[in-house]
Amino acid sequence: SVARVLSSAADAGELETVEQAFQCIAYLLKYLSRDVGSDLPSYLANYSMLLRHPQDYVRLFAGETLSFTLRRLRPSNLEDGLCHILALLEEDRPVEEMSMTAEGLSAALCEATKSIQR
């Protein structure tokens, strides 16, 4: 998956590749965010590895791109979407990974609420 490739690039220290990949994801989400939002659990199953990545900047970029999808959720899907996202904090993972997941989700929720107009 794209998330695995991105994670490998970050582990190898290929910062430019990681940045360009996240720009690509953000561009795709611009057009696909409604579709992604309607099947958020499948998206999060792959994407959550970036939200808990050991590199701070990867978690931040992952949170920023996820926030775009959150902002684009239909009001009728928002509560379910947030439940799916917060369910990532209930996974059975080591404490350190859960802490990193919480940081990634904090970035996503912070970015998503920055410019709420409704």
PDB file of N, CA and C in Angstrom:
ATOM      1  N   SER A   1       0.837  -1.182   0.000  1.00  0.00           N
ATOM      2  CA  SER A   1       0.000   0.000   0.000  1.00  0.00           C
ATOM      3  C   SER A   1       0.885   1.250   0.000  1.00  0.00           C
ATOM      4  N   VAL A   2       0.282   2.363  -0.287  1.00  0.00           N
ATOM      5  CA  VAL A   2       1.007   3.633  -0.319  1.00  0.00           C
ATOM      6  C   VAL A   2       1.555   3.954   1.070  1.00  0.00           C
ATOM      7  N   ALA A   3       0.794   3.623   2.095  1.00  0.00           N
ATOM      8  CA  ALA A   3       1.241   3.898   3.462  1.00  0.00           C
ATOM      9  C   ALA A   3       2.522   3.141   3.788  1.00  0.00           C
ATOM     10  N   ARG A   4       2.635   1.905   3.328  1.00  0.00           N
ATOM     11  CA  ARG A   4       3.854   1.114   3.587  1.00  0.00           C
ATOM     12  C   ARG A   4       5.057   1.710   2.853  1.00  0.00           C
ATOM     13  N   VAL A   5       4.850   2.117   1.622  1.00  0.00           N
ATOM     14  CA  VAL A   5       5.935   2.727   0.846  1.00  0.00           C
ATOM     15  C   VAL A   5       6.376   4.027   1.516  1.00  0.00           C
ATOM     16  N   LEU A   6       5.414   4.822   1.942  1.00  0.00           N
ATOM     17  CA  LEU A   6       5.719   6.074   2.622  1.00  0.00           C
ATOM     18  C   LEU A   6       6.469   5.828   3.925  1.00  0.00           C
ATOM     19  N   SER A   7       6.036   4.843   4.667  1.00  0.00           N
ATOM     20  CA  SER A   7       6.701   4.499   5.922  1.00  0.00           C
ATOM     21  C   SER A   7       8.137   4.052   5.673  1.00  0.00           C
ATOM     22  N   SER A   8       8.349   3.253   4.643  1.00  0.00           N
ATOM     23  CA  SER A   8       9.702   2.797   4.300  1.00  0.00           C
ATOM     24  C   SER A   8      10.587   3.962   3.888  1.00  0.00           C
ATOM     25  N   ALA A   9      10.032   4.894   3.111  1.00  0.00           N
ATOM     26  CA  ALA A   9      10.802   6.064   2.688  1.00  0.00           C
ATOM     27  C   ALA A   9      11.187   6.915   3.895  1.00  0.00           C
ATOM     28  N   ALA A  10      10.273   7.058   4.846  1.00  0.00           N
ATOM     29  CA  ALA A  10      10.573   7.833   6.052  1.00  0.00           C
ATOM     30  C   ALA A  10      11.639   7.139   6.887  1.00  0.00           C
ATOM     31  N   ASP A  11      11.551   5.818   6.993  1.00  0.00           N
ATOM     32  CA  ASP A  11      12.553   5.064   7.748  1.00  0.00           C
ATOM     33  C   ASP A  11      13.934   5.191   7.121  1.00  0.00           C
ATOM     34  N   ALA A  12      13.976   5.322   5.795  1.00  0.00           N
ATOM     35  CA  ALA A  12      15.250   5.446   5.088  1.00  0.00           C
ATOM     36  C   ALA A  12      15.758   6.888   5.076  1.00  0.00           C
ATOM     37  N   GLY A  13      14.977   7.816   5.626  1.00  0.00           N
ATOM     38  CA  GLY A  13      15.404   9.208   5.685  1.00  0.00           C
ATOM     39  C   GLY A  13      15.230   9.978   4.392  1.00  0.00           C
ATOM     40  N   GLU A  14      14.374   9.507   3.522  1.00  0.00           N
ATOM     41  CA  GLU A  14      14.128  10.178   2.242  1.00  0.00           C
ATOM     42  C   GLU A  14      13.044  11.242   2.429  1.00  0.00           C
ATOM     43  N   LEU A  15      13.427  12.364   3.012  1.00  0.00           N
ATOM     44  CA  LEU A  15      12.478  13.404   3.384  1.00  0.00           C
ATOM     45  C   LEU A  15      11.745  14.001   2.192  1.00  0.00           C
ATOM     46  N   GLU A  16      12.453  14.254   1.115  1.00  0.00           N
ATOM     47  CA  GLU A  16      11.813  14.832  -0.065  1.00  0.00           C
ATOM     48  C   GLU A  16      10.769  13.893  -0.643  1.00  0.00           C
ATOM     49  N   THR A  17      11.080  12.613  -0.662  1.00  0.00           N
ATOM     50  CA  THR A  17      10.135  11.619  -1.171  1.00  0.00           C
ATOM     51  C   THR A  17       8.888  11.587  -0.297  1.00  0.00           C
ATOM     52  N   VAL A  18       9.079  11.629   1.006  1.00  0.00           N
ATOM     53  CA  VAL A  18       7.945  11.614   1.937  1.00  0.00           C
ATOM     54  C   VAL A  18       7.076  12.847   1.730  1.00  0.00           C
ATOM     55  N   GLU A  19       7.705  14.011   1.644  1.00  0.00           N
ATOM     56  CA  GLU A  19       6.948  15.245   1.451  1.00  0.00           C
ATOM     57  C   GLU A  19       6.168  15.219   0.142  1.00  0.00           C
ATOM     58  N   GLN A  20       6.799  14.780  -0.926  1.00  0.00           N
ATOM     59  CA  GLN A  20       6.117  14.712  -2.216  1.00  0.00           C
ATOM     60  C   GLN A  20       4.983  13.693  -2.202  1.00  0.00           C
ATOM     61  N   ALA A  21       5.187  12.593  -1.509  1.00  0.00           N
ATOM     62  CA  ALA A  21       4.129  11.575  -1.416  1.00  0.00           C
ATOM     63  C   ALA A  21       2.918  12.123  -0.659  1.00  0.00           C
ATOM     64  N   PHE A  22       3.161  12.856   0.418  1.00  0.00           N
ATOM     65  CA  PHE A  22       2.038  13.440   1.155  1.00  0.00           C
ATOM     66  C   PHE A  22       1.338  14.520   0.333  1.00  0.00           C
ATOM     67  N   GLN A  23       2.094  15.270  -0.460  1.00  0.00           N
ATOM     68  CA  GLN A  23       1.464  16.243  -1.354  1.00  0.00           C
ATOM     69  C   GLN A  23       0.569  15.540  -2.360  1.00  0.00           C
ATOM     70  N   CYS A  24       1.032  14.409  -2.832  1.00  0.00           N
ATOM     71  CA  CYS A  24       0.260  13.599  -3.772  1.00  0.00           C
ATOM     72  C   CYS A  24      -1.025  13.086  -3.109  1.00  0.00           C
ATOM     73  N   ILE A  25      -0.899  12.576  -1.889  1.00  0.00           N
ATOM     74  CA  ILE A  25      -2.072  12.092  -1.160  1.00  0.00           C
ATOM     75  C   ILE A  25      -3.067  13.230  -0.940  1.00  0.00           C
ATOM     76  N   ALA A  26      -2.566  14.391  -0.547  1.00  0.00           N
ATOM     77  CA  ALA A  26      -3.441  15.541  -0.318  1.00  0.00           C
ATOM     78  C   ALA A  26      -4.173  15.930  -1.600  1.00  0.00           C
ATOM     79  N   TYR A  27      -3.477  15.897  -2.714  1.00  0.00           N
ATOM     80  CA  TYR A  27      -4.098  16.228  -3.998  1.00  0.00           C
ATOM     81  C   TYR A  27      -5.185  15.216  -4.346  1.00  0.00           C
ATOM     82  N   LEU A  28      -4.892  13.941  -4.146  1.00  0.00           N
ATOM     83  CA  LEU A  28      -5.890  12.900  -4.428  1.00  0.00           C
ATOM     84  C   LEU A  28      -7.105  13.036  -3.512  1.00  0.00           C
ATOM     85  N   LEU A  29      -6.861  13.339  -2.249  1.00  0.00           N
ATOM     86  CA  LEU A  29      -7.972  13.488  -1.312  1.00  0.00           C
ATOM     87  C   LEU A  29      -8.853  14.679  -1.655  1.00  0.00           C
ATOM     88  N   LYS A  30      -8.283  15.655  -2.321  1.00  0.00           N
ATOM     89  CA  LYS A  30      -9.075  16.802  -2.756  1.00  0.00           C
ATOM     90  C   LYS A  30     -10.253  16.333  -3.606  1.00  0.00           C
ATOM     91  N   TYR A  31     -10.031  15.312  -4.400  1.00  0.00           N
ATOM     92  CA  TYR A  31     -11.070  14.810  -5.298  1.00  0.00           C
ATOM     93  C   TYR A  31     -11.760  13.552  -4.775  1.00  0.00           C
ATOM     94  N   LEU A  32     -11.114  12.830  -3.885  1.00  0.00           N
ATOM     95  CA  LEU A  32     -11.661  11.552  -3.425  1.00  0.00           C
ATOM     96  C   LEU A  32     -12.116  11.561  -1.966  1.00  0.00           C
ATOM     97  N   SER A  33     -12.089  12.708  -1.317  1.00  0.00           N
ATOM     98  CA  SER A  33     -12.359  12.738   0.121  1.00  0.00           C
ATOM     99  C   SER A  33     -13.754  12.238   0.472  1.00  0.00           C
ATOM    100  N   ARG A  34     -14.740  12.512  -0.353  1.00  0.00           N
ATOM    101  CA  ARG A  34     -16.103  12.023  -0.068  1.00  0.00           C
ATOM    102  C   ARG A  34     -16.146  10.499  -0.133  1.00  0.00           C
ATOM    103  N   ASP A  35     -15.467   9.929  -1.125  1.00  0.00           N
ATOM    104  CA  ASP A  35     -15.433   8.468  -1.247  1.00  0.00           C
ATOM    105  C   ASP A  35     -14.671   7.842  -0.089  1.00  0.00           C
ATOM    106  N   VAL A  36     -13.554   8.449   0.262  1.00  0.00           N
ATOM    107  CA  VAL A  36     -12.761   7.949   1.392  1.00  0.00           C
ATOM    108  C   VAL A  36     -13.585   8.059   2.675  1.00  0.00           C
ATOM    109  N   GLY A  37     -14.274   9.176   2.837  1.00  0.00           N
ATOM    110  CA  GLY A  37     -15.094   9.380   4.031  1.00  0.00           C
ATOM    111  C   GLY A  37     -16.223   8.388   4.165  1.00  0.00           C
ATOM    112  N   SER A  38     -16.740   7.926   3.041  1.00  0.00           N
ATOM    113  CA  SER A  38     -17.843   6.961   3.105  1.00  0.00           C
ATOM    114  C   SER A  38     -17.355   5.560   3.474  1.00  0.00           C
ATOM    115  N   ASP A  39     -16.054   5.312   3.327  1.00  0.00           N
ATOM    116  CA  ASP A  39     -15.479   4.019   3.712  1.00  0.00           C
ATOM    117  C   ASP A  39     -14.244   4.248   4.583  1.00  0.00           C
ATOM    118  N   LEU A  40     -14.409   5.068   5.589  1.00  0.00           N
ATOM    119  CA  LEU A  40     -13.297   5.471   6.447  1.00  0.00           C
ATOM    120  C   LEU A  40     -12.602   4.307   7.151  1.00  0.00           C
ATOM    121  N   PRO A  41     -13.314   3.284   7.634  1.00  0.00           N
ATOM    122  CA  PRO A  41     -12.615   2.180   8.306  1.00  0.00           C
ATOM    123  C   PRO A  41     -11.571   1.494   7.419  1.00  0.00           C
ATOM    124  N   SER A  42     -11.884   1.298   6.152  1.00  0.00           N
ATOM    125  CA  SER A  42     -10.913   0.671   5.239  1.00  0.00           C
ATOM    126  C   SER A  42      -9.703   1.571   5.033  1.00  0.00           C
ATOM    127  N   TYR A  43      -9.956   2.852   4.886  1.00  0.00           N
ATOM    128  CA  TYR A  43      -8.877   3.815   4.703  1.00  0.00           C
ATOM    129  C   TYR A  43      -7.975   3.840   5.939  1.00  0.00           C
ATOM    130  N   LEU A  44      -8.587   3.887   7.115  1.00  0.00           N
ATOM    131  CA  LEU A  44      -7.813   3.955   8.354  1.00  0.00           C
ATOM    132  C   LEU A  44      -7.030   2.681   8.629  1.00  0.00           C
ATOM    133  N   ALA A  45      -7.530   1.558   8.152  1.00  0.00           N
ATOM    134  CA  ALA A  45      -6.821   0.289   8.366  1.00  0.00           C
ATOM    135  C   ALA A  45      -5.409   0.354   7.793  1.00  0.00           C
ATOM    136  N   ASN A  46      -5.254   1.002   6.653  1.00  0.00           N
ATOM    137  CA  ASN A  46      -3.932   1.154   6.042  1.00  0.00           C
ATOM    138  C   ASN A  46      -3.222   2.416   6.514  1.00  0.00           C
ATOM    139  N   TYR A  47      -3.970   3.487   6.678  1.00  0.00           N
ATOM    140  CA  TYR A  47      -3.390   4.793   6.949  1.00  0.00           C
ATOM    141  C   TYR A  47      -2.920   4.953   8.391  1.00  0.00           C
ATOM    142  N   SER A  48      -3.476   4.162   9.308  1.00  0.00           N
ATOM    143  CA  SER A  48      -3.142   4.332  10.727  1.00  0.00           C
ATOM    144  C   SER A  48      -1.664   4.093  11.010  1.00  0.00           C
ATOM    145  N   MET A  49      -0.997   3.320  10.155  1.00  0.00           N
ATOM    146  CA  MET A  49       0.439   3.094  10.373  1.00  0.00           C
ATOM    147  C   MET A  49       1.229   4.400  10.247  1.00  0.00           C
ATOM    148  N   LEU A  50       0.710   5.348   9.475  1.00  0.00           N
ATOM    149  CA  LEU A  50       1.383   6.641   9.349  1.00  0.00           C
ATOM    150  C   LEU A  50       1.074   7.538  10.548  1.00  0.00           C
ATOM    151  N   LEU A  51      -0.117   7.385  11.106  1.00  0.00           N
ATOM    152  CA  LEU A  51      -0.480   8.176  12.283  1.00  0.00           C
ATOM    153  C   LEU A  51       0.316   7.765  13.518  1.00  0.00           C
ATOM    154  N   ARG A  52       0.858   6.555  13.519  1.00  0.00           N
ATOM    155  CA  ARG A  52       1.652   6.086  14.669  1.00  0.00           C
ATOM    156  C   ARG A  52       3.129   5.898  14.311  1.00  0.00           C
ATOM    157  N   HIS A  53       3.557   6.478  13.208  1.00  0.00           N
ATOM    158  CA  HIS A  53       4.939   6.331  12.754  1.00  0.00           C
ATOM    159  C   HIS A  53       5.896   6.970  13.761  1.00  0.00           C
ATOM    160  N   PRO A  54       7.072   6.384  13.959  1.00  0.00           N
ATOM    161  CA  PRO A  54       8.040   6.935  14.925  1.00  0.00           C
ATOM    162  C   PRO A  54       8.535   8.350  14.594  1.00  0.00           C
ATOM    163  N   GLN A  55       8.531   8.726  13.323  1.00  0.00           N
ATOM    164  CA  GLN A  55       9.000  10.061  12.942  1.00  0.00           C
ATOM    165  C   GLN A  55       7.892  11.095  13.168  1.00  0.00           C
ATOM    166  N   ASP A  56       8.213  12.161  13.908  1.00  0.00           N
ATOM    167  CA  ASP A  56       7.224  13.203  14.212  1.00  0.00           C
ATOM    168  C   ASP A  56       6.607  13.808  12.958  1.00  0.00           C
ATOM    169  N   TYR A  57       7.443  14.132  11.987  1.00  0.00           N
ATOM    170  CA  TYR A  57       6.941  14.812  10.797  1.00  0.00           C
ATOM    171  C   TYR A  57       5.993  13.929   9.993  1.00  0.00           C
ATOM    172  N   VAL A  58       6.181  12.616  10.035  1.00  0.00           N
ATOM    173  CA  VAL A  58       5.270  11.706   9.329  1.00  0.00           C
ATOM    174  C   VAL A  58       3.903  11.740  10.004  1.00  0.00           C
ATOM    175  N   ARG A  59       3.890  11.693  11.339  1.00  0.00           N
ATOM    176  CA  ARG A  59       2.617  11.769  12.067  1.00  0.00           C
ATOM    177  C   ARG A  59       1.915  13.092  11.800  1.00  0.00           C
ATOM    178  N   LEU A  60       2.686  14.177  11.747  1.00  0.00           N
ATOM    179  CA  LEU A  60       2.099  15.491  11.492  1.00  0.00           C
ATOM    180  C   LEU A  60       1.493  15.553  10.090  1.00  0.00           C
ATOM    181  N   PHE A  61       2.255  15.126   9.079  1.00  0.00           N
ATOM    182  CA  PHE A  61       1.731  15.113   7.707  1.00  0.00           C
ATOM    183  C   PHE A  61       0.507  14.211   7.601  1.00  0.00           C
ATOM    184  N   ALA A  62       0.556  13.051   8.252  1.00  0.00           N
ATOM    185  CA  ALA A  62      -0.577  12.119   8.212  1.00  0.00           C
ATOM    186  C   ALA A  62      -1.803  12.752   8.864  1.00  0.00           C
ATOM    187  N   GLY A  63      -1.592  13.431   9.977  1.00  0.00           N
ATOM    188  CA  GLY A  63      -2.698  14.111  10.641  1.00  0.00           C
ATOM    189  C   GLY A  63      -3.289  15.214   9.789  1.00  0.00           C
ATOM    190  N   GLU A  64      -2.426  15.968   9.118  1.00  0.00           N
ATOM    191  CA  GLU A  64      -2.910  17.056   8.265  1.00  0.00           C
ATOM    192  C   GLU A  64      -3.737  16.530   7.097  1.00  0.00           C
ATOM    193  N   THR A  65      -3.281  15.454   6.480  1.00  0.00           N
ATOM    194  CA  THR A  65      -4.046  14.928   5.346  1.00  0.00           C
ATOM    195  C   THR A  65      -5.347  14.274   5.815  1.00  0.00           C
ATOM    196  N   LEU A  66      -5.331  13.630   6.974  1.00  0.00           N
ATOM    197  CA  LEU A  66      -6.567  13.053   7.507  1.00  0.00           C
ATOM    198  C   LEU A  66      -7.559  14.154   7.876  1.00  0.00           C
ATOM    199  N   SER A  67      -7.057  15.283   8.343  1.00  0.00           N
ATOM    200  CA  SER A  67      -7.947  16.386   8.725  1.00  0.00           C
ATOM    201  C   SER A  67      -8.744  16.891   7.526  1.00  0.00           C
ATOM    202  N   PHE A  68      -8.142  16.874   6.366  1.00  0.00           N
ATOM    203  CA  PHE A  68      -8.863  17.307   5.170  1.00  0.00           C
ATOM    204  C   PHE A  68     -10.068  16.408   4.938  1.00  0.00           C
ATOM    205  N   THR A  69      -9.878  15.110   5.090  1.00  0.00           N
ATOM    206  CA  THR A  69     -10.984  14.165   4.924  1.00  0.00           C
ATOM    207  C   THR A  69     -12.055  14.409   5.988  1.00  0.00           C
ATOM    208  N   LEU A  70     -11.632  14.680   7.215  1.00  0.00           N
ATOM    209  CA  LEU A  70     -12.597  14.960   8.285  1.00  0.00           C
ATOM    210  C   LEU A  70     -13.446  16.186   7.975  1.00  0.00           C
ATOM    211  N   ARG A  71     -12.806  17.238   7.499  1.00  0.00           N
ATOM    212  CA  ARG A  71     -13.545  18.463   7.180  1.00  0.00           C
ATOM    213  C   ARG A  71     -14.544  18.246   6.056  1.00  0.00           C
ATOM    214  N   ARG A  72     -14.266  17.302   5.183  1.00  0.00           N
ATOM    215  CA  ARG A  72     -15.133  17.064   4.030  1.00  0.00           C
ATOM    216  C   ARG A  72     -16.227  16.024   4.294  1.00  0.00           C
ATOM    217  N   LEU A  73     -16.251  15.436   5.481  1.00  0.00           N
ATOM    218  CA  LEU A  73     -17.300  14.464   5.790  1.00  0.00           C
ATOM    219  C   LEU A  73     -18.662  15.149   5.797  1.00  0.00           C
ATOM    220  N   ARG A  74     -19.644  14.446   5.283  1.00  0.00           N
ATOM    221  CA  ARG A  74     -21.013  14.950   5.353  1.00  0.00           C
ATOM    222  C   ARG A  74     -21.429  14.985   6.823  1.00  0.00           C
ATOM    223  N   PRO A  75     -22.245  15.958   7.186  1.00  0.00           N
ATOM    224  CA  PRO A  75     -22.685  16.032   8.590  1.00  0.00           C
ATOM    225  C   PRO A  75     -23.298  14.722   9.093  1.00  0.00           C
ATOM    226  N   SER A  76     -23.984  14.010   8.221  1.00  0.00           N
ATOM    227  CA  SER A  76     -24.603  12.745   8.629  1.00  0.00           C
ATOM    228  C   SER A  76     -23.566  11.655   8.907  1.00  0.00           C
ATOM    229  N   ASN A  77     -22.362  11.791   8.353  1.00  0.00           N
ATOM    230  CA  ASN A  77     -21.300  10.794   8.544  1.00  0.00           C
ATOM    231  C   ASN A  77     -20.258  11.213   9.574  1.00  0.00           C
ATOM    232  N   LEU A  78     -20.369  12.434  10.067  1.00  0.00           N
ATOM    233  CA  LEU A  78     -19.327  12.978  10.938  1.00  0.00           C
ATOM    234  C   LEU A  78     -19.180  12.201  12.248  1.00  0.00           C
ATOM    235  N   GLU A  79     -20.297  11.908  12.899  1.00  0.00           N
ATOM    236  CA  GLU A  79     -20.218  11.194  14.176  1.00  0.00           C
ATOM    237  C   GLU A  79     -19.607   9.806  13.994  1.00  0.00           C
ATOM    238  N   ASP A  80     -20.054   9.076  12.972  1.00  0.00           N
ATOM    239  CA  ASP A  80     -19.482   7.750  12.704  1.00  0.00           C
ATOM    240  C   ASP A  80     -18.001   7.855  12.369  1.00  0.00           C
ATOM    241  N   GLY A  81     -17.644   8.871  11.573  1.00  0.00           N
ATOM    242  CA  GLY A  81     -16.247   9.062  11.201  1.00  0.00           C
ATOM    243  C   GLY A  81     -15.366   9.295  12.415  1.00  0.00           C
ATOM    244  N   LEU A  82     -15.824  10.147  13.322  1.00  0.00           N
ATOM    245  CA  LEU A  82     -15.053  10.409  14.540  1.00  0.00           C
ATOM    246  C   LEU A  82     -14.952   9.163  15.415  1.00  0.00           C
ATOM    247  N   CYS A  83     -16.015   8.375  15.455  1.00  0.00           N
ATOM    248  CA  CYS A  83     -15.968   7.122  16.231  1.00  0.00           C
ATOM    249  C   CYS A  83     -14.927   6.167  15.656  1.00  0.00           C
ATOM    250  N   HIS A  84     -14.863   6.072  14.325  1.00  0.00           N
ATOM    251  CA  HIS A  84     -13.869   5.197  13.688  1.00  0.00           C
ATOM    252  C   HIS A  84     -12.454   5.696  13.970  1.00  0.00           C
ATOM    253  N   ILE A  85     -12.285   7.007  13.932  1.00  0.00           N
ATOM    254  CA  ILE A  85     -10.962   7.578  14.173  1.00  0.00           C
ATOM    255  C   ILE A  85     -10.539   7.364  15.627  1.00  0.00           C
ATOM    256  N   LEU A  86     -11.433   7.636  16.549  1.00  0.00           N
ATOM    257  CA  LEU A  86     -11.097   7.469  17.965  1.00  0.00           C
ATOM    258  C   LEU A  86     -10.949   6.003  18.350  1.00  0.00           C
ATOM    259  N   ALA A  87     -11.540   5.108  17.574  1.00  0.00           N
ATOM    260  CA  ALA A  87     -11.381   3.670  17.830  1.00  0.00           C
ATOM    261  C   ALA A  87      -9.930   3.231  17.645  1.00  0.00           C
ATOM    262  N   LEU A  88      -9.150   4.018  16.905  1.00  0.00           N
ATOM    263  CA  LEU A  88      -7.729   3.698  16.756  1.00  0.00           C
ATOM    264  C   LEU A  88      -7.012   3.725  18.103  1.00  0.00           C
ATOM    265  N   LEU A  89      -7.564   4.476  19.050  1.00  0.00           N
ATOM    266  CA  LEU A  89      -6.959   4.565  20.381  1.00  0.00           C
ATOM    267  C   LEU A  89      -7.326   3.382  21.270  1.00  0.00           C
ATOM    268  N   GLU A  90      -8.192   2.519  20.777  1.00  0.00           N
ATOM    269  CA  GLU A  90      -8.600   1.339  21.546  1.00  0.00           C
ATOM    270  C   GLU A  90      -7.935   0.064  21.050  1.00  0.00           C
ATOM    271  N   GLU A  91      -7.061   0.196  20.046  1.00  0.00           N
ATOM    272  CA  GLU A  91      -6.389  -0.984  19.506  1.00  0.00           C
ATOM    273  C   GLU A  91      -5.433  -1.566  20.544  1.00  0.00           C
ATOM    274  N   ASP A  92      -5.176  -2.840  20.410  1.00  0.00           N
ATOM    275  CA  ASP A  92      -4.259  -3.528  21.324  1.00  0.00           C
ATOM    276  C   ASP A  92      -2.837  -3.407  20.779  1.00  0.00           C
ATOM    277  N   ARG A  93      -2.168  -2.333  21.169  1.00  0.00           N
ATOM    278  CA  ARG A  93      -0.810  -2.050  20.707  1.00  0.00           C
ATOM    279  C   ARG A  93       0.038  -1.640  21.905  1.00  0.00           C
ATOM    280  N   PRO A  94       1.360  -1.668  21.746  1.00  0.00           N
ATOM    281  CA  PRO A  94       2.232  -1.200  22.834  1.00  0.00           C
ATOM    282  C   PRO A  94       1.946   0.267  23.188  1.00  0.00           C
ATOM    283  N   VAL A  95       2.223   0.627  24.422  1.00  0.00           N
ATOM    284  CA  VAL A  95       1.937   1.971  24.923  1.00  0.00           C
ATOM    285  C   VAL A  95       2.601   3.042  24.063  1.00  0.00           C
ATOM    286  N   GLU A  96       3.840   2.799  23.649  1.00  0.00           N
ATOM    287  CA  GLU A  96       4.553   3.790  22.837  1.00  0.00           C
ATOM    288  C   GLU A  96       3.836   4.034  21.509  1.00  0.00           C
ATOM    289  N   GLU A  97       3.373   2.970  20.865  1.00  0.00           N
ATOM    290  CA  GLU A  97       2.636   3.124  19.604  1.00  0.00           C
ATOM    291  C   GLU A  97       1.325   3.867  19.829  1.00  0.00           C
ATOM    292  N   MET A  98       0.654   3.566  20.928  1.00  0.00           N
ATOM    293  CA  MET A  98      -0.609   4.248  21.217  1.00  0.00           C
ATOM    294  C   MET A  98      -0.376   5.731  21.482  1.00  0.00           C
ATOM    295  N   SER A  99       0.736   6.053  22.124  1.00  0.00           N
ATOM    296  CA  SER A  99       1.081   7.448  22.362  1.00  0.00           C
ATOM    297  C   SER A  99       1.322   8.178  21.043  1.00  0.00           C
ATOM    298  N   MET A 100       2.018   7.515  20.130  1.00  0.00           N
ATOM    299  CA  MET A 100       2.271   8.119  18.819  1.00  0.00           C
ATOM    300  C   MET A 100       0.972   8.248  18.025  1.00  0.00           C
ATOM    301  N   THR A 101       0.086   7.257  18.137  1.00  0.00           N
ATOM    302  CA  THR A 101      -1.219   7.339  17.476  1.00  0.00           C
ATOM    303  C   THR A 101      -1.998   8.529  18.016  1.00  0.00           C
ATOM    304  N   ALA A 102      -1.964   8.720  19.325  1.00  0.00           N
ATOM    305  CA  ALA A 102      -2.660   9.854  19.938  1.00  0.00           C
ATOM    306  C   ALA A 102      -2.108  11.177  19.413  1.00  0.00           C
ATOM    307  N   GLU A 103      -0.791  11.263  19.226  1.00  0.00           N
ATOM    308  CA  GLU A 103      -0.192  12.483  18.674  1.00  0.00           C
ATOM    309  C   GLU A 103      -0.668  12.726  17.247  1.00  0.00           C
ATOM    310  N   GLY A 104      -0.685  11.668  16.434  1.00  0.00           N
ATOM    311  CA  GLY A 104      -1.146  11.798  15.052  1.00  0.00           C
ATOM    312  C   GLY A 104      -2.604  12.216  14.980  1.00  0.00           C
ATOM    313  N   LEU A 105      -3.434  11.621  15.831  1.00  0.00           N
ATOM    314  CA  LEU A 105      -4.853  11.976  15.849  1.00  0.00           C
ATOM    315  C   LEU A 105      -5.064  13.385  16.397  1.00  0.00           C
ATOM    316  N   SER A 106      -4.239  13.788  17.357  1.00  0.00           N
ATOM    317  CA  SER A 106      -4.322  15.158  17.878  1.00  0.00           C
ATOM    318  C   SER A 106      -4.051  16.161  16.772  1.00  0.00           C
ATOM    319  N   ALA A 107      -3.049  15.876  15.962  1.00  0.00           N
ATOM    320  CA  ALA A 107      -2.742  16.758  14.832  1.00  0.00           C
ATOM    321  C   ALA A 107      -3.923  16.809  13.867  1.00  0.00           C
ATOM    322  N   ALA A 108      -4.523  15.657  13.594  1.00  0.00           N
ATOM    323  CA  ALA A 108      -5.659  15.599  12.665  1.00  0.00           C
ATOM    324  C   ALA A 108      -6.839  16.400  13.199  1.00  0.00           C
ATOM    325  N   LEU A 109      -7.182  16.188  14.465  1.00  0.00           N
ATOM    326  CA  LEU A 109      -8.342  16.875  15.034  1.00  0.00           C
ATOM    327  C   LEU A 109      -8.097  18.372  15.181  1.00  0.00           C
ATOM    328  N   CYS A 110      -6.878  18.742  15.534  1.00  0.00           N
ATOM    329  CA  CYS A 110      -6.534  20.164  15.643  1.00  0.00           C
ATOM    330  C   CYS A 110      -6.660  20.851  14.290  1.00  0.00           C
ATOM    331  N   GLU A 111      -6.090  20.249  13.269  1.00  0.00           N
ATOM    332  CA  GLU A 111      -6.169  20.817  11.921  1.00  0.00           C
ATOM    333  C   GLU A 111      -7.609  20.856  11.418  1.00  0.00           C
ATOM    334  N   ALA A 112      -8.377  19.826  11.736  1.00  0.00           N
ATOM    335  CA  ALA A 112      -9.760  19.752  11.255  1.00  0.00           C
ATOM    336  C   ALA A 112     -10.635  20.831  11.882  1.00  0.00           C
ATOM    337  N   THR A 113     -10.333  21.215  13.122  1.00  0.00           N
ATOM    338  CA  THR A 113     -11.172  22.206  13.795  1.00  0.00           C
ATOM    339  C   THR A 113     -10.670  23.637  13.641  1.00  0.00           C
ATOM    340  N   LYS A 114      -9.536  23.828  13.020  1.00  0.00           N
ATOM    341  CA  LYS A 114      -8.974  25.175  12.863  1.00  0.00           C
ATOM    342  C   LYS A 114      -9.909  26.116  12.116  1.00  0.00           C
ATOM    343  N   SER A 115     -10.518  25.628  11.068  1.00  0.00           N
ATOM    344  CA  SER A 115     -11.298  26.527  10.214  1.00  0.00           C
ATOM    345  C   SER A 115     -12.733  26.043  10.024  1.00  0.00           C
ATOM    346  N   ILE A 116     -13.345  25.608  11.109  1.00  0.00           N
ATOM    347  CA  ILE A 116     -14.742  25.167  11.022  1.00  0.00           C
ATOM    348  C   ILE A 116     -15.623  26.383  10.800  1.00  0.00           C
ATOM    349  N   GLN A 117     -16.484  26.281   9.798  1.00  0.00           N
ATOM    350  CA  GLN A 117     -17.372  27.394   9.496  1.00  0.00           C
ATOM    351  C   GLN A 117     -18.837  26.995   9.609  1.00  0.00           C
ATOM    352  N   ARG A 118     -19.095  25.812  10.138  1.00  0.00           N
ATOM    353  CA  ARG A 118     -20.495  25.414  10.291  1.00  0.00           C
ATOM    354  C   ARG A 118     -20.737  24.929  11.681  1.00  0.00           C
TER     355      ARG A 118
END
